[in-house]
Amino acid sequence: MKDYQKRLIAEEKQLSENAKKLEDFIFESPVYETLSRQQQKLSCQQLGAMEMYCRILRERIKLENIE
């Protein structure tokens, strides 16, 4: 496996873990409800961007035939 392929897999793994943590925070943490509406909105937008980026990385991994 080439170095850039290893980095691609590592980046997708890390991003996926971070997105899951943010998702858990949004949907399960009582602290989320104490944030301002603007902070809540931005957190949701961030999660959406992270999920989109993760899908892109997974597609690139698939195209490289590495999994």
PDB file of N, CA and C in Angstrom:
ATOM      1  N   MET A   1       0.845  -1.172   0.000  1.00  0.00           N
ATOM      2  CA  MET A   1       0.000   0.000   0.000  1.00  0.00           C
ATOM      3  C   MET A   1       0.900   1.247   0.000  1.00  0.00           C
ATOM      4  N   LYS A   2       0.548   2.207  -0.806  1.00  0.00           N
ATOM      5  CA  LYS A   2       1.327   3.432  -0.920  1.00  0.00           C
ATOM      6  C   LYS A   2       1.067   4.344   0.279  1.00  0.00           C
ATOM      7  N   ASP A   3       2.032   5.231   0.526  1.00  0.00           N
ATOM      8  CA  ASP A   3       1.931   6.126   1.683  1.00  0.00           C
ATOM      9  C   ASP A   3       0.659   6.973   1.648  1.00  0.00           C
ATOM     10  N   TYR A   4       0.315   7.529   0.491  1.00  0.00           N
ATOM     11  CA  TYR A   4      -0.867   8.391   0.419  1.00  0.00           C
ATOM     12  C   TYR A   4      -2.140   7.587   0.675  1.00  0.00           C
ATOM     13  N   GLN A   5      -2.133   6.304   0.319  1.00  0.00           N
ATOM     14  CA  GLN A   5      -3.294   5.457   0.589  1.00  0.00           C
ATOM     15  C   GLN A   5      -3.427   5.201   2.089  1.00  0.00           C
ATOM     16  N   LYS A   6      -2.323   4.995   2.744  1.00  0.00           N
ATOM     17  CA  LYS A   6      -2.336   4.810   4.198  1.00  0.00           C
ATOM     18  C   LYS A   6      -2.855   6.072   4.888  1.00  0.00           C
ATOM     19  N   ARG A   7      -2.394   7.240   4.392  1.00  0.00           N
ATOM     20  CA  ARG A   7      -2.859   8.502   4.980  1.00  0.00           C
ATOM     21  C   ARG A   7      -4.351   8.710   4.739  1.00  0.00           C
ATOM     22  N   LEU A   8      -4.813   8.323   3.581  1.00  0.00           N
ATOM     23  CA  LEU A   8      -6.231   8.441   3.242  1.00  0.00           C
ATOM     24  C   LEU A   8      -7.083   7.603   4.207  1.00  0.00           C
ATOM     25  N   ILE A   9      -6.659   6.389   4.443  1.00  0.00           N
ATOM     26  CA  ILE A   9      -7.384   5.505   5.367  1.00  0.00           C
ATOM     27  C   ILE A   9      -7.334   6.057   6.794  1.00  0.00           C
ATOM     28  N   ALA A  10      -6.170   6.520   7.214  1.00  0.00           N
ATOM     29  CA  ALA A  10      -6.035   7.074   8.571  1.00  0.00           C
ATOM     30  C   ALA A  10      -6.892   8.325   8.739  1.00  0.00           C
ATOM     31  N   GLU A  11      -6.916   9.163   7.722  1.00  0.00           N
ATOM     32  CA  GLU A  11      -7.723  10.387   7.794  1.00  0.00           C
ATOM     33  C   GLU A  11      -9.214  10.062   7.881  1.00  0.00           C
ATOM     34  N   GLU A  12      -9.657   9.099   7.092  1.00  0.00           N
ATOM     35  CA  GLU A  12     -11.073   8.714   7.123  1.00  0.00           C
ATOM     36  C   GLU A  12     -11.438   8.134   8.485  1.00  0.00           C
ATOM     37  N   LYS A  13     -10.558   7.325   9.040  1.00  0.00           N
ATOM     38  CA  LYS A  13     -10.823   6.719  10.347  1.00  0.00           C
ATOM     39  C   LYS A  13     -10.940   7.788  11.423  1.00  0.00           C
ATOM     40  N   GLN A  14      -9.986   8.718  11.443  1.00  0.00           N
ATOM     41  CA  GLN A  14      -9.993   9.778  12.451  1.00  0.00           C
ATOM     42  C   GLN A  14     -11.212  10.681  12.298  1.00  0.00           C
ATOM     43  N   LEU A  15     -11.516  11.049  11.072  1.00  0.00           N
ATOM     44  CA  LEU A  15     -12.668  11.907  10.822  1.00  0.00           C
ATOM     45  C   LEU A  15     -13.966  11.215  11.228  1.00  0.00           C
ATOM     46  N   SER A  16     -14.076   9.938  10.908  1.00  0.00           N
ATOM     47  CA  SER A  16     -15.266   9.181  11.273  1.00  0.00           C
ATOM     48  C   SER A  16     -15.447   9.133  12.796  1.00  0.00           C
ATOM     49  N   GLU A  17     -14.361   8.926  13.514  1.00  0.00           N
ATOM     50  CA  GLU A  17     -14.417   8.904  14.977  1.00  0.00           C
ATOM     51  C   GLU A  17     -14.833  10.269  15.534  1.00  0.00           C
ATOM     52  N   ASN A  18     -14.259  11.326  14.984  1.00  0.00           N
ATOM     53  CA  ASN A  18     -14.596  12.677  15.453  1.00  0.00           C
ATOM     54  C   ASN A  18     -16.038  13.048  15.131  1.00  0.00           C
ATOM     55  N   ALA A  19     -16.513  12.634  13.968  1.00  0.00           N
ATOM     56  CA  ALA A  19     -17.907  12.909  13.596  1.00  0.00           C
ATOM     57  C   ALA A  19     -18.852  12.169  14.537  1.00  0.00           C
ATOM     58  N   LYS A  20     -18.506  10.946  14.892  1.00  0.00           N
ATOM     59  CA  LYS A  20     -19.343  10.176  15.823  1.00  0.00           C
ATOM     60  C   LYS A  20     -19.394  10.851  17.193  1.00  0.00           C
ATOM     61  N   LYS A  21     -18.263  11.367  17.641  1.00  0.00           N
ATOM     62  CA  LYS A  21     -18.226  12.066  18.930  1.00  0.00           C
ATOM     63  C   LYS A  21     -19.100  13.320  18.894  1.00  0.00           C
ATOM     64  N   LEU A  22     -19.016  14.062  17.803  1.00  0.00           N
ATOM     65  CA  LEU A  22     -19.840  15.260  17.685  1.00  0.00           C
ATOM     66  C   LEU A  22     -21.317  14.892  17.605  1.00  0.00           C
ATOM     67  N   GLU A  23     -21.636  13.847  16.866  1.00  0.00           N
ATOM     68  CA  GLU A  23     -23.018  13.386  16.766  1.00  0.00           C
ATOM     69  C   GLU A  23     -23.555  12.980  18.142  1.00  0.00           C
ATOM     70  N   ASP A  24     -22.756  12.253  18.898  1.00  0.00           N
ATOM     71  CA  ASP A  24     -23.162  11.860  20.249  1.00  0.00           C
ATOM     72  C   ASP A  24     -23.395  13.090  21.119  1.00  0.00           C
ATOM     73  N   PHE A  25     -22.512  14.076  20.995  1.00  0.00           N
ATOM     74  CA  PHE A  25     -22.660  15.307  21.762  1.00  0.00           C
ATOM     75  C   PHE A  25     -23.977  16.005  21.416  1.00  0.00           C
ATOM     76  N   ILE A  26     -24.264  16.111  20.134  1.00  0.00           N
ATOM     77  CA  ILE A  26     -25.476  16.807  19.693  1.00  0.00           C
ATOM     78  C   ILE A  26     -26.740  16.089  20.152  1.00  0.00           C
ATOM     79  N   PHE A  27     -26.760  14.776  20.023  1.00  0.00           N
ATOM     80  CA  PHE A  27     -27.992  14.038  20.276  1.00  0.00           C
ATOM     81  C   PHE A  27     -28.123  13.438  21.675  1.00  0.00           C
ATOM     82  N   GLU A  28     -27.009  13.409  22.427  1.00  0.00           N
ATOM     83  CA  GLU A  28     -27.075  12.734  23.720  1.00  0.00           C
ATOM     84  C   GLU A  28     -26.625  13.581  24.912  1.00  0.00           C
ATOM     85  N   SER A  29     -25.893  14.634  24.661  1.00  0.00           N
ATOM     86  CA  SER A  29     -25.346  15.413  25.777  1.00  0.00           C
ATOM     87  C   SER A  29     -26.303  16.521  26.219  1.00  0.00           C
ATOM     88  N   PRO A  30     -26.575  16.595  27.508  1.00  0.00           N
ATOM     89  CA  PRO A  30     -27.401  17.693  28.007  1.00  0.00           C
ATOM     90  C   PRO A  30     -26.693  19.053  27.855  1.00  0.00           C
ATOM     91  N   VAL A  31     -25.388  19.035  27.733  1.00  0.00           N
ATOM     92  CA  VAL A  31     -24.628  20.275  27.562  1.00  0.00           C
ATOM     93  C   VAL A  31     -25.015  20.956  26.252  1.00  0.00           C
ATOM     94  N   TYR A  32     -25.302  20.159  25.226  1.00  0.00           N
ATOM     95  CA  TYR A  32     -25.667  20.719  23.921  1.00  0.00           C
ATOM     96  C   TYR A  32     -26.851  21.670  24.058  1.00  0.00           C
ATOM     97  N   GLU A  33     -27.819  21.307  24.872  1.00  0.00           N
ATOM     98  CA  GLU A  33     -29.019  22.130  25.053  1.00  0.00           C
ATOM     99  C   GLU A  33     -28.719  23.464  25.729  1.00  0.00           C
ATOM    100  N   THR A  34     -27.571  23.555  26.406  1.00  0.00           N
ATOM    101  CA  THR A  34     -27.216  24.809  27.073  1.00  0.00           C
ATOM    102  C   THR A  34     -26.514  25.788  26.124  1.00  0.00           C
ATOM    103  N   LEU A  35     -26.136  25.319  24.947  1.00  0.00           N
ATOM    104  CA  LEU A  35     -25.468  26.186  23.973  1.00  0.00           C
ATOM    105  C   LEU A  35     -26.472  27.152  23.357  1.00  0.00           C
ATOM    106  N   SER A  36     -25.957  28.259  22.890  1.00  0.00           N
ATOM    107  CA  SER A  36     -26.825  29.205  22.182  1.00  0.00           C
ATOM    108  C   SER A  36     -27.350  28.550  20.907  1.00  0.00           C
ATOM    109  N   ARG A  37     -28.443  29.069  20.393  1.00  0.00           N
ATOM    110  CA  ARG A  37     -29.000  28.533  19.142  1.00  0.00           C
ATOM    111  C   ARG A  37     -27.975  28.608  18.015  1.00  0.00           C
ATOM    112  N   GLN A  38     -27.192  29.686  18.014  1.00  0.00           N
ATOM    113  CA  GLN A  38     -26.167  29.846  16.974  1.00  0.00           C
ATOM    114  C   GLN A  38     -25.107  28.751  17.086  1.00  0.00           C
ATOM    115  N   GLN A  39     -24.671  28.462  18.315  1.00  0.00           N
ATOM    116  CA  GLN A  39     -23.694  27.394  18.518  1.00  0.00           C
ATOM    117  C   GLN A  39     -24.277  26.032  18.132  1.00  0.00           C
ATOM    118  N   GLN A  40     -25.534  25.799  18.464  1.00  0.00           N
ATOM    119  CA  GLN A  40     -26.189  24.542  18.087  1.00  0.00           C
ATOM    120  C   GLN A  40     -26.244  24.406  16.564  1.00  0.00           C
ATOM    121  N   LYS A  41     -26.637  25.486  15.917  1.00  0.00           N
ATOM    122  CA  LYS A  41     -26.732  25.479  14.453  1.00  0.00           C
ATOM    123  C   LYS A  41     -25.369  25.206  13.827  1.00  0.00           C
ATOM    124  N   LEU A  42     -24.342  25.884  14.327  1.00  0.00           N
ATOM    125  CA  LEU A  42     -23.005  25.686  13.790  1.00  0.00           C
ATOM    126  C   LEU A  42     -22.495  24.267  14.033  1.00  0.00           C
ATOM    127  N   SER A  43     -22.822  23.706  15.184  1.00  0.00           N
ATOM    128  CA  SER A  43     -22.423  22.323  15.478  1.00  0.00           C
ATOM    129  C   SER A  43     -23.068  21.356  14.487  1.00  0.00           C
ATOM    130  N   CYS A  44     -24.328  21.575  14.187  1.00  0.00           N
ATOM    131  CA  CYS A  44     -25.023  20.722  13.216  1.00  0.00           C
ATOM    132  C   CYS A  44     -24.439  20.896  11.816  1.00  0.00           C
ATOM    133  N   GLN A  45     -24.113  22.121  11.457  1.00  0.00           N
ATOM    134  CA  GLN A  45     -23.496  22.365  10.154  1.00  0.00           C
ATOM    135  C   GLN A  45     -22.119  21.708  10.080  1.00  0.00           C
ATOM    136  N   GLN A  46     -21.382  21.785  11.174  1.00  0.00           N
ATOM    137  CA  GLN A  46     -20.063  21.147  11.223  1.00  0.00           C
ATOM    138  C   GLN A  46     -20.202  19.647  11.041  1.00  0.00           C
ATOM    139  N   LEU A  47     -21.166  19.041  11.726  1.00  0.00           N
ATOM    140  CA  LEU A  47     -21.383  17.608  11.587  1.00  0.00           C
ATOM    141  C   LEU A  47     -21.727  17.251  10.140  1.00  0.00           C
ATOM    142  N   GLY A  48     -22.576  18.031   9.514  1.00  0.00           N
ATOM    143  CA  GLY A  48     -22.924  17.780   8.120  1.00  0.00           C
ATOM    144  C   GLY A  48     -21.713  17.850   7.207  1.00  0.00           C
ATOM    145  N   ALA A  49     -20.849  18.834   7.443  1.00  0.00           N
ATOM    146  CA  ALA A  49     -19.635  18.970   6.636  1.00  0.00           C
ATOM    147  C   ALA A  49     -18.686  17.792   6.867  1.00  0.00           C
ATOM    148  N   MET A  50     -18.585  17.370   8.115  1.00  0.00           N
ATOM    149  CA  MET A  50     -17.723  16.236   8.432  1.00  0.00           C
ATOM    150  C   MET A  50     -18.239  14.960   7.768  1.00  0.00           C
ATOM    151  N   GLU A  51     -19.544  14.760   7.797  1.00  0.00           N
ATOM    152  CA  GLU A  51     -20.136  13.580   7.167  1.00  0.00           C
ATOM    153  C   GLU A  51     -19.931  13.599   5.655  1.00  0.00           C
ATOM    154  N   MET A  52     -20.062  14.764   5.043  1.00  0.00           N
ATOM    155  CA  MET A  52     -19.833  14.886   3.603  1.00  0.00           C
ATOM    156  C   MET A  52     -18.382  14.568   3.264  1.00  0.00           C
ATOM    157  N   TYR A  53     -17.462  15.136   4.030  1.00  0.00           N
ATOM    158  CA  TYR A  53     -16.041  14.904   3.819  1.00  0.00           C
ATOM    159  C   TYR A  53     -15.723  13.419   3.988  1.00  0.00           C
ATOM    160  N   CYS A  54     -16.325  12.782   4.975  1.00  0.00           N
ATOM    161  CA  CYS A  54     -16.108  11.354   5.218  1.00  0.00           C
ATOM    162  C   CYS A  54     -16.601  10.520   4.025  1.00  0.00           C
ATOM    163  N   ARG A  55     -17.751  10.891   3.485  1.00  0.00           N
ATOM    164  CA  ARG A  55     -18.263  10.181   2.296  1.00  0.00           C
ATOM    165  C   ARG A  55     -17.309  10.329   1.117  1.00  0.00           C
ATOM    166  N   ILE A  56     -16.738  11.514   0.961  1.00  0.00           N
ATOM    167  CA  ILE A  56     -15.779  11.748  -0.120  1.00  0.00           C
ATOM    168  C   ILE A  56     -14.533  10.887   0.079  1.00  0.00           C
ATOM    169  N   LEU A  57     -14.021  10.858   1.298  1.00  0.00           N
ATOM    170  CA  LEU A  57     -12.851  10.021   1.570  1.00  0.00           C
ATOM    171  C   LEU A  57     -13.150   8.548   1.310  1.00  0.00           C
ATOM    172  N   ARG A  58     -14.329   8.095   1.723  1.00  0.00           N
ATOM    173  CA  ARG A  58     -14.696   6.687   1.488  1.00  0.00           C
ATOM    174  C   ARG A  58     -14.796   6.380  -0.001  1.00  0.00           C
ATOM    175  N   GLU A  59     -15.298   7.315  -0.778  1.00  0.00           N
ATOM    176  CA  GLU A  59     -15.384   7.124  -2.216  1.00  0.00           C
ATOM    177  C   GLU A  59     -13.988   7.053  -2.830  1.00  0.00           C
ATOM    178  N   ARG A  60     -13.092   7.904  -2.367  1.00  0.00           N
ATOM    179  CA  ARG A  60     -11.712   7.860  -2.859  1.00  0.00           C
ATOM    180  C   ARG A  60     -11.049   6.531  -2.497  1.00  0.00           C
ATOM    181  N   ILE A  61     -11.295   6.046  -1.280  1.00  0.00           N
ATOM    182  CA  ILE A  61     -10.747   4.754  -0.861  1.00  0.00           C
ATOM    183  C   ILE A  61     -11.294   3.653  -1.755  1.00  0.00           C
ATOM    184  N   LYS A  62     -12.579   3.714  -2.033  1.00  0.00           N
ATOM    185  CA  LYS A  62     -13.201   2.719  -2.890  1.00  0.00           C
ATOM    186  C   LYS A  62     -12.597   2.744  -4.292  1.00  0.00           C
ATOM    187  N   LEU A  63     -12.385   3.929  -4.833  1.00  0.00           N
ATOM    188  CA  LEU A  63     -11.780   4.053  -6.161  1.00  0.00           C
ATOM    189  C   LEU A  63     -10.349   3.532  -6.215  1.00  0.00           C
ATOM    190  N   GLU A  64      -9.659   3.608  -5.087  1.00  0.00           N
ATOM    191  CA  GLU A  64      -8.285   3.107  -5.000  1.00  0.00           C
ATOM    192  C   GLU A  64      -8.257   1.593  -4.760  1.00  0.00           C
ATOM    193  N   ASN A  65      -9.408   1.000  -4.545  1.00  0.00           N
ATOM    194  CA  ASN A  65      -9.502  -0.433  -4.249  1.00  0.00           C
ATOM    195  C   ASN A  65      -8.705  -0.809  -3.003  1.00  0.00           C
ATOM    196  N   ILE A  66      -8.787   0.060  -2.003  1.00  0.00           N
ATOM    197  CA  ILE A  66      -8.162  -0.224  -0.719  1.00  0.00           C
ATOM    198  C   ILE A  66      -9.237  -0.172   0.350  1.00  0.00           C
ATOM    199  N   GLU A  67      -9.296  -1.169   1.170  1.00  0.00           N
ATOM    200  CA  GLU A  67     -10.301  -1.169   2.229  1.00  0.00           C
ATOM    201  C   GLU A  67      -9.897  -1.975   3.401  1.00  0.00           C
TER     202      GLU A  67
END
